[in-house]
């Protein structure tokens, strides 16, 4: 069996490897032992939307094209009117199954005749491996200064993968509106829609990548690599539309992609906002769940090389911003419309409510007075007398936490830090 590798270079120069075979079996087979780090992503949890089906069932399958067996297309689409769809070694359910059923399977002969099938499957595999990240980037500064219910904050709940399918669906609809004999345009619409934002995935794999060229440029570069060895007749139009969909380009198909992207975002925002409901603080805030979310930040450094929570002598010292942002995260997960998080002006009240609830559950250290939600501390480096920082910290305790493991997690310099009361 012929095997090749596609090497995707991120902005930082790190290579991402996607190994595939000419049979395009699916993500589990594509994730071979030498396929790192993409293999880890491909083997990660995919929720209940798609899962690897029995590849053995598809290894010798062929696609019937005009009454003959075409061995160049090793695809076995199996789908009823409802339920999962088996396609290219994957099992799709829910929204993606509906998309494959309505917009791919009926047009497989067109995909084949245009040489688009290999690129379609590689693009779908890429989304399965990398598409679980948010479709918009939300960093610490966004959480700290933005509105919890802003469009960007809500759209962060839509995965890159789901957004890509939404845009492809809207693009097909636009093509159909303009050309009733749209079958010939379907492969171009599907591949362009699915790949238009794949460059956002690299921002979650390569540190600092989001600070480089725009995601549209990265998306086009990745699409070019995925299609470097295919003969899809609409390839150049797809790459151009993906590259220019955030520019002032007047290219006809690029304009359609822009409109499809806009329509998809509008629909996503409305659907997500509809899922929120007004709840009181004590209806949605659960101390144990909050602490579970907080745990991953202890002895870690963020993208700006700043620590946000430190363990020291059995106490967890947290910055106020981390407490607030974790509360916002738990609030979003609970689909709660909470007045305390509507804007920054109520940050103090939000912190007090969370600390009071944590104290009642036994998570607040005794050194913190009942009428306060933080204390002033000095964090210093025992090896550098000049390296000192005064900051407001929230001292927490967690008897069930394994501090030996947490302490070992710290970056090297954290072991030299000392925390004292001011």
Protein backbone atom coordinates (compact mmCIF):
# COMPACT_ATOMS: atom_id res chain seq x y z
CA UNK A 1 0.00 0.00 0.00
CA UNK A 2 1.38 3.39 -0.97
CA UNK A 3 1.85 5.72 1.96
CA UNK A 4 2.64 9.41 1.91
CA UNK A 5 2.96 12.18 4.45
CA UNK A 6 1.70 15.72 4.33
CA UNK A 7 3.83 18.04 6.43
CA UNK A 8 2.12 21.20 7.60
CA UNK A 9 4.44 23.94 8.81
CA UNK A 10 3.04 26.27 11.41
CA UNK A 11 4.08 29.89 11.65
CA UNK A 12 6.64 29.00 14.29
CA UNK A 13 8.24 26.43 12.02
CA UNK A 14 6.99 23.38 13.90
CA UNK A 15 6.00 20.58 11.59
CA UNK A 16 2.64 18.87 11.95
CA UNK A 17 2.40 15.47 10.33
CA UNK A 18 -0.68 13.97 8.74
CA UNK A 19 0.02 10.49 7.42
CA UNK A 20 -2.52 9.01 5.02
CA UNK A 21 -2.87 6.14 2.61
CA UNK A 22 -4.19 6.12 -0.90
CA UNK A 23 -7.23 4.30 0.50
CA UNK A 24 -8.04 7.14 2.95
CA UNK A 25 -9.36 4.87 5.67
CA UNK A 26 -10.12 7.36 8.44
CA UNK A 27 -8.58 9.08 11.45
CA UNK A 28 -7.63 6.00 13.46
CA UNK A 29 -5.60 4.46 10.65
CA UNK A 30 -4.20 7.81 9.61
CA UNK A 31 -2.90 8.30 13.13
CA UNK A 32 0.06 5.95 12.78
CA UNK A 33 2.93 5.64 15.21
CA UNK A 34 5.03 8.17 13.32
CA UNK A 35 2.20 10.70 13.04
CA UNK A 36 2.95 13.08 15.89
CA UNK A 37 1.68 15.29 17.36
CA UNK A 38 -1.41 15.08 15.14
CA UNK A 39 -1.91 11.46 16.10
CA UNK A 40 -2.58 12.48 19.68
CA UNK A 41 -5.30 14.85 18.52
CA UNK A 42 -6.83 12.27 16.23
CA UNK A 43 -6.99 9.73 19.01
CA UNK A 44 -8.41 12.20 21.53
CA UNK A 45 -12.03 12.19 22.57
CA UNK A 46 -14.41 13.20 19.84
CA UNK A 47 -17.60 13.41 21.87
CA UNK A 48 -20.63 11.65 20.44
CA UNK A 49 -20.52 13.24 17.01
CA UNK A 50 -18.17 10.93 15.15
CA UNK A 51 -16.36 7.76 16.03
CA UNK A 52 -14.12 5.31 14.23
CA UNK A 53 -16.15 2.53 12.70
CA UNK A 54 -14.87 -0.94 11.96
CA UNK A 55 -12.22 -0.15 9.36
CA UNK A 56 -12.04 -3.79 8.37
CA UNK A 57 -15.57 -3.47 6.98
CA UNK A 58 -14.33 -0.82 4.53
CA UNK A 59 -10.87 -2.05 3.61
CA UNK A 60 -12.04 -3.87 0.48
CA UNK A 61 -15.13 -1.85 -0.25
CA UNK A 62 -15.55 0.06 -3.48
CA UNK A 63 -17.97 2.67 -4.75
CA UNK A 64 -20.41 1.74 -7.47
CA UNK A 65 -20.12 4.33 -10.24
CA UNK A 66 -22.45 3.97 -13.23
CA UNK A 67 -22.81 0.26 -12.80
CA UNK A 68 -19.12 -0.51 -12.40
CA UNK A 69 -16.76 -0.89 -9.50
CA UNK A 70 -14.31 1.99 -9.24
CA UNK A 71 -11.35 0.85 -7.14
CA UNK A 72 -10.01 4.40 -6.92
CA UNK A 73 -12.75 5.34 -4.47
CA UNK A 74 -12.53 3.24 -1.34
CA UNK A 75 -15.62 4.69 0.29
CA UNK A 76 -18.64 2.87 1.63
CA UNK A 77 -21.41 5.32 2.41
CA UNK A 78 -24.07 3.53 4.41
CA UNK A 79 -26.92 5.64 5.68
CA UNK A 80 -30.60 5.41 6.31
CA UNK A 81 -32.99 8.32 6.55
CA UNK A 82 -31.99 8.83 10.18
CA UNK A 83 -29.26 7.68 12.51
CA UNK A 84 -25.52 7.40 11.92
CA UNK A 85 -23.78 7.60 8.57
CA UNK A 86 -20.75 5.42 7.78
CA UNK A 87 -18.42 7.21 5.41
CA UNK A 88 -14.71 6.83 4.66
CA UNK A 89 -14.04 4.69 7.73
CA UNK A 90 -15.87 7.05 10.10
CA UNK A 91 -19.28 6.97 11.70
CA UNK A 92 -21.04 10.32 11.81
CA UNK A 93 -24.04 11.17 13.96
CA UNK A 94 -26.18 14.22 14.53
CA UNK A 95 -25.54 17.36 12.48
CA UNK A 96 -22.51 15.96 10.63
CA UNK A 97 -24.42 12.80 9.69
CA UNK A 98 -27.18 14.93 8.22
CA UNK A 99 -24.60 16.90 6.23
CA UNK A 100 -22.94 13.77 4.80
CA UNK A 101 -26.34 12.25 4.02
CA UNK A 102 -27.71 15.30 2.20
CA UNK A 103 -24.68 17.00 0.67
CA UNK A 104 -22.01 14.38 0.05
CA UNK A 105 -23.52 10.96 -0.62
CA UNK A 106 -25.94 12.17 -3.33
CA UNK A 107 -23.05 13.87 -5.15
CA UNK A 108 -20.33 11.22 -4.84
CA UNK A 109 -20.17 10.68 -8.61
CA UNK A 110 -19.50 14.40 -9.05
CA UNK A 111 -16.80 14.35 -6.38
CA UNK A 112 -15.22 11.39 -8.15
CA UNK A 113 -15.42 12.86 -11.64
CA UNK A 114 -13.82 16.12 -10.46
CA UNK A 115 -11.03 14.37 -8.54
CA UNK A 116 -12.28 15.90 -5.28
CA UNK A 117 -12.82 12.78 -3.18
CA UNK A 118 -9.29 12.43 -1.74
CA UNK A 119 -9.18 16.10 -0.70
CA UNK A 120 -12.67 15.87 0.80
CA UNK A 121 -11.69 12.94 3.01
CA UNK A 122 -8.38 14.48 4.08
CA UNK A 123 -10.17 17.72 4.99
CA UNK A 124 -12.77 15.83 7.02
CA UNK A 125 -10.01 13.87 8.77
CA UNK A 126 -8.20 17.11 9.56
CA UNK A 127 -11.35 18.53 11.18
CA UNK A 128 -11.84 15.36 13.20
CA UNK A 129 -8.28 15.65 14.49
CA UNK A 130 -8.05 19.38 15.07
CA UNK A 131 -11.59 20.71 14.99
CA UNK A 132 -12.54 20.33 18.66
CA UNK A 133 -11.07 23.73 19.56
CA UNK A 134 -13.34 26.82 19.73
CA UNK A 135 -14.15 28.44 16.40
CA UNK A 136 -13.04 31.79 17.83
CA UNK A 137 -10.03 32.38 20.05
CA UNK A 138 -10.82 33.44 23.63
CA UNK A 139 -7.73 34.32 25.63
CA UNK A 140 -7.34 35.50 29.24
CA UNK A 141 -7.66 39.11 28.18
CA UNK A 142 -10.97 38.39 26.43
CA UNK A 143 -12.36 36.69 29.53
CA UNK A 144 -11.07 39.40 31.80
CA UNK A 145 -12.35 42.41 29.89
CA UNK A 146 -15.13 41.13 27.66
CA UNK A 147 -18.83 40.68 28.21
CA UNK A 148 -19.75 37.12 29.21
CA UNK A 149 -22.64 37.16 26.76
CA UNK A 150 -20.93 39.02 23.90
CA UNK A 151 -21.06 37.52 20.44
CA UNK A 152 -17.44 36.38 20.66
CA UNK A 153 -17.91 34.75 24.06
CA UNK A 154 -20.98 32.87 22.89
CA UNK A 155 -19.44 31.80 19.60
CA UNK A 156 -16.49 30.33 21.51
CA UNK A 157 -18.90 27.54 22.42
CA UNK A 158 -19.10 26.52 18.75
CA UNK A 159 -16.26 24.18 17.81
CA UNK A 160 -14.17 24.83 14.73
CA UNK A 161 -15.43 21.55 13.32
CA UNK A 162 -19.11 22.38 13.75
CA UNK A 163 -18.67 25.91 12.40
CA UNK A 164 -16.96 24.49 9.32
CA UNK A 165 -19.91 22.22 8.60
CA UNK A 166 -22.33 25.11 9.19
CA UNK A 167 -20.49 27.30 6.66
CA UNK A 168 -20.31 24.50 4.10
CA UNK A 169 -24.06 23.99 4.44
CA UNK A 170 -24.77 27.70 3.97
CA UNK A 171 -22.40 27.86 0.99
CA UNK A 172 -24.22 25.00 -0.71
CA UNK A 173 -27.50 26.82 -0.11
CA UNK A 174 -26.13 30.00 -1.70
CA UNK A 175 -24.79 28.10 -4.71
CA UNK A 176 -28.18 26.46 -5.14
CA UNK A 177 -29.94 29.83 -5.01
CA UNK A 178 -27.77 31.14 -7.84
CA UNK A 179 -27.61 28.01 -9.96
CA UNK A 180 -30.35 25.39 -9.96
CA UNK A 181 -27.99 22.91 -11.65
CA UNK A 182 -25.67 23.24 -8.70
CA UNK A 183 -24.38 19.64 -8.67
CA UNK A 184 -21.14 20.62 -10.46
CA UNK A 185 -20.47 23.29 -7.81
CA UNK A 186 -21.11 21.03 -4.80
CA UNK A 187 -17.53 19.67 -4.38
CA UNK A 188 -16.13 23.22 -4.50
CA UNK A 189 -18.72 24.45 -1.98
CA UNK A 190 -18.18 21.54 0.41
CA UNK A 191 -14.38 21.60 0.38
CA UNK A 192 -14.20 25.40 0.59
CA UNK A 193 -16.69 25.59 3.44
CA UNK A 194 -15.05 22.80 5.44
CA UNK A 195 -11.54 24.21 5.02
CA UNK A 196 -12.17 27.97 5.28
CA UNK A 197 -11.03 28.27 8.93
CA UNK A 198 -8.76 25.23 9.41
CA UNK A 199 -5.85 27.60 10.01
CA UNK A 200 -7.38 28.41 13.39
CA UNK A 201 -6.47 24.92 14.53
CA UNK A 202 -2.75 25.69 14.34
CA UNK A 203 -3.25 28.44 16.92
CA UNK A 204 -4.06 25.70 19.44
CA UNK A 205 -1.16 23.45 18.46
CA UNK A 206 1.77 25.84 17.99
CA UNK A 207 2.46 28.42 20.75
CA UNK A 208 2.22 31.95 19.42
CA UNK A 209 0.84 30.92 16.03
CA UNK A 210 -2.22 33.10 16.41
CA UNK A 211 0.09 36.14 16.51
CA UNK A 212 1.41 35.38 13.01
CA UNK A 213 -0.36 35.68 9.65
CA UNK A 214 -4.15 35.76 9.69
CA UNK A 215 -6.01 32.49 10.04
CA UNK A 216 -7.33 32.80 6.46
CA UNK A 217 -3.77 32.77 5.10
CA UNK A 218 -2.88 29.79 7.31
CA UNK A 219 -6.08 28.01 6.23
CA UNK A 220 -5.20 28.43 2.56
CA UNK A 221 -1.65 27.17 3.20
CA UNK A 222 -2.94 24.06 4.97
CA UNK A 223 -5.49 23.42 2.22
CA UNK A 224 -2.72 23.68 -0.39
CA UNK A 225 -0.69 21.08 1.51
CA UNK A 226 -3.67 18.76 1.86
CA UNK A 227 -4.35 19.04 -1.87
CA UNK A 228 -0.78 19.08 -3.10
CA UNK A 229 -1.13 15.69 -4.79
CA UNK A 230 -4.77 15.73 -5.89
CA UNK A 231 -6.29 16.69 -9.22
CA UNK A 232 -9.45 18.47 -8.03
CA UNK A 233 -10.51 20.80 -10.83
CA UNK A 234 -11.85 23.44 -8.42
CA UNK A 235 -8.75 23.47 -6.24
CA UNK A 236 -7.44 26.92 -7.21
CA UNK A 237 -10.84 28.56 -6.66
CA UNK A 238 -11.13 26.89 -3.24
CA UNK A 239 -7.68 28.07 -2.13
CA UNK A 240 -8.33 31.60 -3.37
CA UNK A 241 -11.71 31.86 -1.61
CA UNK A 242 -10.29 30.51 1.66
CA UNK A 243 -7.29 32.86 1.52
CA UNK A 244 -9.34 35.98 0.71
CA UNK A 245 -12.57 35.48 2.67
CA UNK A 246 -11.62 38.24 5.15
CA UNK A 247 -10.36 40.67 2.53
CA UNK A 248 -12.10 43.08 0.14
CA UNK A 249 -11.85 40.56 -2.70
CA UNK A 250 -14.64 40.74 -5.28
CA UNK A 251 -14.02 37.24 -6.61
CA UNK A 252 -17.53 35.75 -7.07
CA UNK A 253 -16.97 32.55 -5.12
CA UNK A 254 -15.08 34.39 -2.37
CA UNK A 255 -18.11 36.68 -1.96
CA UNK A 256 -20.32 33.61 -1.60
CA UNK A 257 -18.01 32.22 1.11
CA UNK A 258 -18.10 35.54 2.98
CA UNK A 259 -21.90 35.52 2.92
CA UNK A 260 -22.05 31.87 4.02
CA UNK A 261 -19.69 32.58 6.93
CA UNK A 262 -21.80 35.54 8.01
CA UNK A 263 -25.05 33.57 7.82
CA UNK A 264 -23.58 30.68 9.79
CA UNK A 265 -22.34 32.99 12.55
CA UNK A 266 -25.69 34.71 12.84
CA UNK A 267 -27.49 31.38 13.16
CA UNK A 268 -24.96 30.04 15.70
CA UNK A 269 -25.26 33.13 17.88
CA UNK A 270 -29.06 32.94 17.94
CA UNK A 271 -29.08 29.23 18.74
CA UNK A 272 -26.58 29.51 21.59
CA UNK A 273 -28.20 32.58 23.16
CA UNK A 274 -31.51 30.73 23.14
CA UNK A 275 -29.99 28.00 25.34
CA UNK A 276 -29.27 30.39 28.23
CA UNK A 277 -31.73 31.03 31.05
CA UNK A 278 -31.88 33.41 34.01
CA UNK A 279 -30.69 31.66 37.18
CA UNK A 280 -29.77 32.87 40.64
CA UNK A 281 -26.18 32.43 41.79
CA UNK A 282 -26.94 29.51 44.11
CA UNK A 283 -28.83 27.68 41.37
CA UNK A 284 -25.77 27.26 39.17
CA UNK A 285 -22.67 27.70 41.36
CA UNK A 286 -21.39 24.39 42.73
CA UNK A 287 -18.14 24.65 44.80
CA UNK A 288 -16.82 21.18 43.91
CA UNK A 289 -17.31 21.79 40.21
CA UNK A 290 -15.63 25.18 40.54
CA UNK A 291 -12.59 23.68 42.26
CA UNK A 292 -12.34 20.95 39.62
CA UNK A 293 -12.15 23.65 36.94
CA UNK A 294 -9.62 25.64 38.98
CA UNK A 295 -7.28 22.68 39.54
CA UNK A 296 -5.84 22.68 36.04
CA UNK A 297 -4.41 26.20 36.57
CA UNK A 298 -2.45 25.43 39.73
CA UNK A 299 1.33 25.68 39.17
CA UNK A 300 0.85 26.41 35.49
CA UNK A 301 1.94 29.40 33.43
CA UNK A 302 -0.29 31.00 30.80
CA UNK A 303 0.49 32.22 27.29
CA UNK A 304 2.07 35.37 28.72
CA UNK A 305 4.33 33.35 31.06
CA UNK A 306 2.38 34.43 34.12
CA UNK A 307 1.37 32.14 36.94
CA UNK A 308 -2.22 32.34 38.13
CA UNK A 309 -2.33 29.89 41.04
CA UNK A 310 0.48 28.50 43.20
CA UNK A 311 0.59 25.76 45.79
CA UNK A 312 2.80 26.58 48.78
CA UNK A 313 2.91 24.75 52.14
CA UNK A 314 -0.42 23.04 51.48
CA UNK A 315 -2.24 26.25 50.52
CA UNK A 316 -3.46 27.20 47.04
CA UNK A 317 -2.87 30.89 46.35
CA UNK A 318 -4.99 32.20 43.47
CA UNK A 319 -5.04 35.53 41.73
CA UNK A 320 -8.39 37.30 41.87
CA UNK A 321 -8.65 37.23 38.08
CA UNK A 322 -8.40 33.44 38.01
CA UNK A 323 -11.23 33.10 40.55
CA UNK A 324 -13.36 35.46 38.49
CA UNK A 325 -12.61 33.85 35.13
CA UNK A 326 -13.21 30.34 36.49
CA UNK A 327 -16.56 31.52 37.82
CA UNK A 328 -17.45 32.91 34.40
CA UNK A 329 -16.50 29.60 32.83
CA UNK A 330 -18.68 27.61 35.23
CA UNK A 331 -21.50 30.08 34.65
CA UNK A 332 -21.31 29.59 30.88
CA UNK A 333 -21.23 25.83 31.28
CA UNK A 334 -24.41 26.05 33.35
CA UNK A 335 -26.07 28.15 30.60
CA UNK A 336 -26.90 30.72 33.27
CA UNK A 337 -27.72 34.38 32.67
CA UNK A 338 -26.09 35.70 35.84
CA UNK A 339 -26.27 39.44 36.68
CA UNK A 340 -23.01 39.23 38.66
CA UNK A 341 -21.11 38.47 35.44
CA UNK A 342 -22.90 40.82 33.08
CA UNK A 343 -20.04 43.33 33.21
CA UNK A 344 -16.85 44.17 35.07
CA UNK A 345 -18.52 46.69 37.40
CA UNK A 346 -19.88 43.81 39.50
CA UNK A 347 -16.63 41.88 39.68
CA UNK A 348 -16.19 42.55 43.40
CA UNK A 349 -19.69 41.30 44.21
CA UNK A 350 -19.11 38.21 42.07
CA UNK A 351 -15.86 37.43 43.88
CA UNK A 352 -17.50 37.86 47.29
CA UNK A 353 -20.40 35.55 46.35
CA UNK A 354 -18.02 32.84 45.11
CA UNK A 355 -15.68 33.09 48.11
CA UNK A 356 -18.63 32.94 50.54
CA UNK A 357 -19.93 29.81 48.82
CA UNK A 358 -16.46 28.22 48.75
CA UNK A 359 -15.99 29.06 52.43
CA UNK A 360 -19.25 27.36 53.32
CA UNK A 361 -18.07 24.24 51.47
CA UNK A 362 -14.73 24.27 53.36
CA UNK A 363 -12.45 25.40 50.52
CA UNK A 364 -11.33 28.78 51.92
CA UNK A 365 -8.26 28.87 54.18
CA UNK A 366 -8.77 30.16 57.71
CA UNK A 367 -6.29 33.02 57.20
CA UNK A 368 -8.82 34.86 55.03
CA UNK A 369 -11.20 37.02 57.14
CA UNK A 370 -14.91 36.52 56.52
CA UNK A 371 -15.43 40.05 55.25
CA UNK A 372 -12.70 39.79 52.57
CA UNK A 373 -12.19 37.84 49.38
CA UNK A 374 -8.41 38.31 49.11
CA UNK A 375 -5.28 39.30 51.04
CA UNK A 376 -2.05 41.06 50.14
CA UNK A 377 0.97 38.77 49.76
CA UNK A 378 4.53 39.04 48.55
CA UNK A 379 5.83 36.39 46.16
CA UNK A 380 9.63 36.27 46.02
CA UNK A 381 12.39 34.14 44.54
CA UNK A 382 14.62 32.66 47.24
CA UNK A 383 17.55 32.82 44.79
CA UNK A 384 17.02 36.43 43.74
CA UNK A 385 16.31 39.05 46.40
CA UNK A 386 15.32 41.58 43.72
CA UNK A 387 12.64 39.35 42.22
CA UNK A 388 9.59 40.25 44.28
CA UNK A 389 5.93 40.79 43.48
CA UNK A 390 3.15 42.11 45.69
CA UNK A 391 -0.29 40.92 44.71
CA UNK A 392 -3.82 40.23 45.97
CA UNK A 393 -4.33 36.50 46.36
CA UNK A 394 -7.14 34.24 47.49
CA UNK A 395 -5.89 31.49 49.85
CA UNK A 396 -7.76 28.22 49.34
CA UNK A 397 -7.44 24.75 50.80
CA UNK A 398 -8.41 21.37 49.43
CA UNK A 399 -7.88 18.39 51.71
CA UNK A 400 -8.57 15.85 48.96
CA UNK A 401 -5.98 17.33 46.61
CA UNK A 402 -2.72 15.40 46.20
CA UNK A 403 -0.24 18.21 46.78
CA UNK A 404 2.75 15.97 46.02
CA UNK A 405 1.53 15.61 42.45
CA UNK A 406 0.50 19.27 42.21
CA UNK A 407 3.87 20.47 43.53
CA UNK A 408 5.78 18.33 41.04
CA UNK A 409 3.69 19.80 38.24
CA UNK A 410 5.19 23.27 38.72
CA UNK A 411 7.59 24.73 36.22
CA UNK A 412 11.19 24.67 37.42
CA UNK A 413 11.30 28.24 38.79
CA UNK A 414 8.10 27.75 40.82
CA UNK A 415 9.96 25.53 43.28
CA UNK A 416 12.10 28.52 44.26
CA UNK A 417 9.18 30.82 45.07
CA UNK A 418 8.20 31.85 48.58
CA UNK A 419 4.88 33.43 49.61
CA UNK A 420 4.56 35.64 52.70
CA UNK A 421 1.87 37.93 54.08
CA UNK A 422 2.42 41.64 53.60
